[in-house]
N, C-alpha and C. Protein backbone atom coordinates (compact mmCIF):
# COMPACT_ATOMS: atom_id res chain seq x y z
N MET A 1 -6.32 -9.87 13.93
CA MET A 1 -5.94 -9.17 12.71
C MET A 1 -4.52 -8.63 12.87
N TYR A 2 -3.81 -8.59 11.80
CA TYR A 2 -2.41 -8.16 11.85
C TYR A 2 -2.25 -6.66 11.98
N LEU A 3 -3.32 -5.90 11.73
CA LEU A 3 -3.21 -4.44 11.74
C LEU A 3 -4.30 -3.86 12.64
N ALA A 4 -3.88 -3.24 13.72
CA ALA A 4 -4.82 -2.62 14.65
C ALA A 4 -5.37 -1.33 14.05
N PRO A 5 -6.57 -0.94 14.45
CA PRO A 5 -7.14 0.31 13.93
C PRO A 5 -6.27 1.53 14.20
N GLU A 6 -5.54 1.52 15.31
CA GLU A 6 -4.65 2.65 15.63
C GLU A 6 -3.52 2.74 14.61
N GLU A 7 -2.99 1.59 14.22
CA GLU A 7 -1.91 1.57 13.22
C GLU A 7 -2.43 2.08 11.88
N LYS A 8 -3.64 1.68 11.54
CA LYS A 8 -4.23 2.12 10.28
C LYS A 8 -4.41 3.63 10.29
N GLU A 9 -4.86 4.18 11.42
CA GLU A 9 -5.02 5.64 11.54
C GLU A 9 -3.69 6.34 11.38
N LYS A 10 -2.62 5.76 11.93
CA LYS A 10 -1.29 6.36 11.80
C LYS A 10 -0.85 6.40 10.34
N ILE A 11 -1.12 5.32 9.63
CA ILE A 11 -0.75 5.26 8.21
C ILE A 11 -1.50 6.32 7.42
N PHE A 12 -2.81 6.42 7.66
CA PHE A 12 -3.60 7.41 6.93
C PHE A 12 -3.26 8.84 7.35
N ALA A 13 -2.94 9.04 8.62
CA ALA A 13 -2.56 10.38 9.07
C ALA A 13 -1.23 10.81 8.45
N LYS A 14 -0.32 9.88 8.31
CA LYS A 14 1.00 10.20 7.77
C LYS A 14 0.95 10.44 6.26
N HIS A 15 0.22 9.60 5.54
CA HIS A 15 0.25 9.65 4.08
C HIS A 15 -1.00 10.28 3.46
N GLY A 16 -2.11 10.30 4.18
CA GLY A 16 -3.32 10.91 3.66
C GLY A 16 -3.46 12.35 4.11
N LYS A 17 -4.63 12.89 3.91
CA LYS A 17 -4.86 14.27 4.32
C LYS A 17 -5.15 14.35 5.82
N SER A 18 -5.82 13.32 6.36
CA SER A 18 -6.09 13.23 7.79
C SER A 18 -6.22 11.77 8.16
N LYS A 19 -6.41 11.51 9.46
CA LYS A 19 -6.49 10.11 9.89
C LYS A 19 -7.79 9.45 9.44
N ASN A 20 -8.80 10.25 9.12
CA ASN A 20 -10.08 9.71 8.66
C ASN A 20 -10.21 9.70 7.15
N ASP A 21 -9.20 10.18 6.45
CA ASP A 21 -9.23 10.23 4.98
C ASP A 21 -8.73 8.90 4.42
N THR A 22 -9.64 7.92 4.35
CA THR A 22 -9.25 6.60 3.89
C THR A 22 -9.39 6.46 2.38
N GLY A 23 -9.91 7.46 1.71
CA GLY A 23 -10.16 7.34 0.28
C GLY A 23 -9.10 7.94 -0.61
N SER A 24 -8.17 8.67 -0.04
CA SER A 24 -7.15 9.29 -0.89
C SER A 24 -6.23 8.22 -1.48
N ALA A 25 -5.75 8.48 -2.67
CA ALA A 25 -4.89 7.51 -3.35
C ALA A 25 -3.61 7.28 -2.56
N GLU A 26 -3.04 8.32 -1.98
CA GLU A 26 -1.80 8.18 -1.22
C GLU A 26 -2.00 7.28 -0.01
N GLY A 27 -3.10 7.47 0.71
CA GLY A 27 -3.39 6.65 1.88
C GLY A 27 -3.58 5.19 1.52
N GLN A 28 -4.31 4.95 0.44
CA GLN A 28 -4.55 3.58 0.01
C GLN A 28 -3.25 2.91 -0.45
N ILE A 29 -2.42 3.66 -1.17
CA ILE A 29 -1.13 3.11 -1.62
C ILE A 29 -0.26 2.77 -0.42
N ALA A 30 -0.25 3.63 0.59
CA ALA A 30 0.54 3.37 1.79
C ALA A 30 0.03 2.14 2.53
N LEU A 31 -1.30 1.99 2.62
CA LEU A 31 -1.87 0.83 3.29
C LEU A 31 -1.56 -0.45 2.50
N PHE A 32 -1.69 -0.41 1.19
CA PHE A 32 -1.35 -1.57 0.36
C PHE A 32 0.12 -1.94 0.52
N THR A 33 0.98 -0.94 0.59
CA THR A 33 2.41 -1.19 0.75
C THR A 33 2.68 -1.89 2.08
N TYR A 34 2.02 -1.44 3.13
CA TYR A 34 2.17 -2.08 4.44
C TYR A 34 1.72 -3.54 4.38
N ARG A 35 0.57 -3.77 3.75
CA ARG A 35 0.03 -5.13 3.65
C ARG A 35 0.93 -6.01 2.78
N ILE A 36 1.48 -5.45 1.71
CA ILE A 36 2.38 -6.21 0.84
C ILE A 36 3.62 -6.63 1.60
N GLU A 37 4.18 -5.73 2.39
CA GLU A 37 5.36 -6.07 3.19
C GLU A 37 5.04 -7.17 4.20
N HIS A 38 3.85 -7.08 4.81
CA HIS A 38 3.44 -8.09 5.79
C HIS A 38 3.28 -9.46 5.12
N LEU A 39 2.63 -9.51 3.97
CA LEU A 39 2.44 -10.78 3.27
C LEU A 39 3.75 -11.34 2.74
N THR A 40 4.66 -10.48 2.33
CA THR A 40 5.96 -10.93 1.86
C THR A 40 6.74 -11.62 2.98
N LYS A 41 6.70 -11.04 4.18
CA LYS A 41 7.36 -11.68 5.32
C LYS A 41 6.73 -13.03 5.62
N HIS A 42 5.40 -13.10 5.53
CA HIS A 42 4.70 -14.36 5.79
C HIS A 42 5.11 -15.43 4.77
N LEU A 43 5.21 -15.03 3.51
CA LEU A 43 5.54 -16.00 2.47
C LEU A 43 6.99 -16.48 2.54
N LYS A 44 7.87 -15.70 3.14
CA LYS A 44 9.25 -16.16 3.30
C LYS A 44 9.32 -17.37 4.22
N ASN A 45 8.43 -17.40 5.22
CA ASN A 45 8.40 -18.54 6.14
C ASN A 45 7.49 -19.65 5.65
N ASN A 46 6.45 -19.32 4.91
CA ASN A 46 5.45 -20.28 4.47
C ASN A 46 5.37 -20.27 2.95
N HIS A 47 6.37 -20.81 2.30
CA HIS A 47 6.48 -20.68 0.85
C HIS A 47 5.44 -21.51 0.09
N LYS A 48 4.75 -22.41 0.74
CA LYS A 48 3.73 -23.21 0.06
C LYS A 48 2.32 -22.67 0.27
N ASP A 49 2.19 -21.51 0.85
CA ASP A 49 0.88 -20.89 1.09
C ASP A 49 0.45 -20.17 -0.18
N TYR A 50 -0.20 -20.90 -1.05
CA TYR A 50 -0.53 -20.37 -2.38
C TYR A 50 -1.68 -19.37 -2.35
N ASN A 51 -2.57 -19.48 -1.37
CA ASN A 51 -3.66 -18.51 -1.26
C ASN A 51 -3.11 -17.13 -0.89
N THR A 52 -2.15 -17.09 0.00
CA THR A 52 -1.52 -15.83 0.36
C THR A 52 -0.73 -15.27 -0.82
N GLU A 53 -0.10 -16.16 -1.56
CA GLU A 53 0.65 -15.72 -2.74
C GLU A 53 -0.27 -15.05 -3.76
N ARG A 54 -1.45 -15.64 -3.95
CA ARG A 54 -2.42 -15.06 -4.88
C ARG A 54 -2.90 -13.70 -4.37
N SER A 55 -3.16 -13.61 -3.08
CA SER A 55 -3.58 -12.34 -2.48
C SER A 55 -2.51 -11.27 -2.65
N LEU A 56 -1.26 -11.67 -2.50
CA LEU A 56 -0.15 -10.74 -2.66
C LEU A 56 -0.09 -10.21 -4.09
N VAL A 57 -0.25 -11.09 -5.06
CA VAL A 57 -0.21 -10.67 -6.46
C VAL A 57 -1.36 -9.71 -6.76
N LYS A 58 -2.56 -9.99 -6.21
CA LYS A 58 -3.70 -9.11 -6.42
C LYS A 58 -3.46 -7.73 -5.79
N LEU A 59 -2.86 -7.71 -4.60
CA LEU A 59 -2.57 -6.44 -3.92
C LEU A 59 -1.56 -5.62 -4.70
N VAL A 60 -0.54 -6.28 -5.23
CA VAL A 60 0.46 -5.57 -6.02
C VAL A 60 -0.20 -4.96 -7.25
N GLY A 61 -1.12 -5.68 -7.87
CA GLY A 61 -1.83 -5.16 -9.03
C GLY A 61 -2.71 -3.96 -8.68
N LYS A 62 -3.38 -4.03 -7.54
CA LYS A 62 -4.21 -2.90 -7.10
C LYS A 62 -3.35 -1.66 -6.84
N ARG A 63 -2.20 -1.89 -6.17
CA ARG A 63 -1.31 -0.76 -5.89
C ARG A 63 -0.77 -0.17 -7.19
N ARG A 64 -0.42 -1.04 -8.14
CA ARG A 64 0.08 -0.57 -9.43
C ARG A 64 -0.98 0.26 -10.15
N SER A 65 -2.24 -0.18 -10.09
CA SER A 65 -3.33 0.57 -10.72
C SER A 65 -3.50 1.95 -10.08
N LEU A 66 -3.44 1.99 -8.76
CA LEU A 66 -3.55 3.29 -8.08
C LEU A 66 -2.37 4.19 -8.41
N LEU A 67 -1.18 3.62 -8.49
CA LEU A 67 -0.01 4.43 -8.86
C LEU A 67 -0.13 4.96 -10.29
N ASP A 68 -0.64 4.13 -11.20
CA ASP A 68 -0.85 4.59 -12.58
C ASP A 68 -1.88 5.71 -12.63
N TYR A 69 -2.96 5.56 -11.87
CA TYR A 69 -3.98 6.60 -11.80
C TYR A 69 -3.39 7.90 -11.28
N LEU A 70 -2.62 7.81 -10.22
CA LEU A 70 -2.03 9.01 -9.62
C LEU A 70 -1.04 9.66 -10.57
N MET A 71 -0.31 8.85 -11.32
CA MET A 71 0.65 9.39 -12.27
C MET A 71 -0.07 10.17 -13.38
N LYS A 72 -1.22 9.68 -13.82
CA LYS A 72 -1.98 10.37 -14.87
C LYS A 72 -2.62 11.65 -14.33
N LYS A 73 -3.11 11.61 -13.06
CA LYS A 73 -3.82 12.76 -12.51
C LYS A 73 -2.88 13.87 -12.05
N ASP A 74 -1.85 13.50 -11.30
CA ASP A 74 -0.96 14.51 -10.70
C ASP A 74 0.42 13.90 -10.51
N ILE A 75 1.32 14.23 -11.40
CA ILE A 75 2.66 13.63 -11.40
C ILE A 75 3.45 14.01 -10.15
N LEU A 76 3.21 15.18 -9.59
CA LEU A 76 3.95 15.60 -8.40
C LEU A 76 3.56 14.77 -7.18
N ARG A 77 2.26 14.49 -7.03
CA ARG A 77 1.80 13.64 -5.93
C ARG A 77 2.35 12.22 -6.10
N TYR A 78 2.39 11.75 -7.35
CA TYR A 78 2.94 10.43 -7.64
C TYR A 78 4.40 10.35 -7.23
N ARG A 79 5.18 11.33 -7.64
CA ARG A 79 6.61 11.33 -7.31
C ARG A 79 6.83 11.41 -5.80
N ALA A 80 5.98 12.19 -5.12
CA ALA A 80 6.13 12.34 -3.66
C ALA A 80 5.86 11.02 -2.94
N ILE A 81 4.80 10.32 -3.33
CA ILE A 81 4.47 9.07 -2.64
C ILE A 81 5.47 7.98 -2.96
N VAL A 82 5.99 7.95 -4.19
CA VAL A 82 6.99 6.94 -4.56
C VAL A 82 8.27 7.18 -3.77
N LYS A 83 8.65 8.43 -3.61
CA LYS A 83 9.86 8.75 -2.86
C LYS A 83 9.66 8.46 -1.36
N GLU A 84 8.49 8.80 -0.86
CA GLU A 84 8.21 8.64 0.56
C GLU A 84 8.17 7.17 0.98
N LEU A 85 7.62 6.31 0.11
CA LEU A 85 7.49 4.89 0.43
C LEU A 85 8.63 4.04 -0.13
N ASN A 86 9.59 4.68 -0.76
CA ASN A 86 10.72 4.00 -1.38
C ASN A 86 10.28 2.97 -2.41
N LEU A 87 9.31 3.34 -3.23
CA LEU A 87 8.87 2.50 -4.33
C LEU A 87 9.61 2.94 -5.59
N ARG A 88 9.69 2.07 -6.53
CA ARG A 88 10.28 2.45 -7.81
C ARG A 88 9.50 1.77 -8.91
N LYS A 89 9.53 2.38 -10.06
CA LYS A 89 8.79 1.81 -11.18
C LYS A 89 9.72 1.04 -12.08
């Protein structure tokens, strides 16, 4: 697997409430962002890998949905995670 459990814990500890808080929107957005970056690098070398391309599009949609949810629930948390992960709308 491309992501070790220790790396996942670091992501959740940095962006979530704790290393075991895998359900927070911020933690999930950070994990999706990491996975999107990984798949993007893979697709640069393997441009004919259409299954990975489809997975990437689905992940971007999931992240967008979570960002929209966070924007509706708490705009300050949304702005913080967008700034922290260097995302833009």
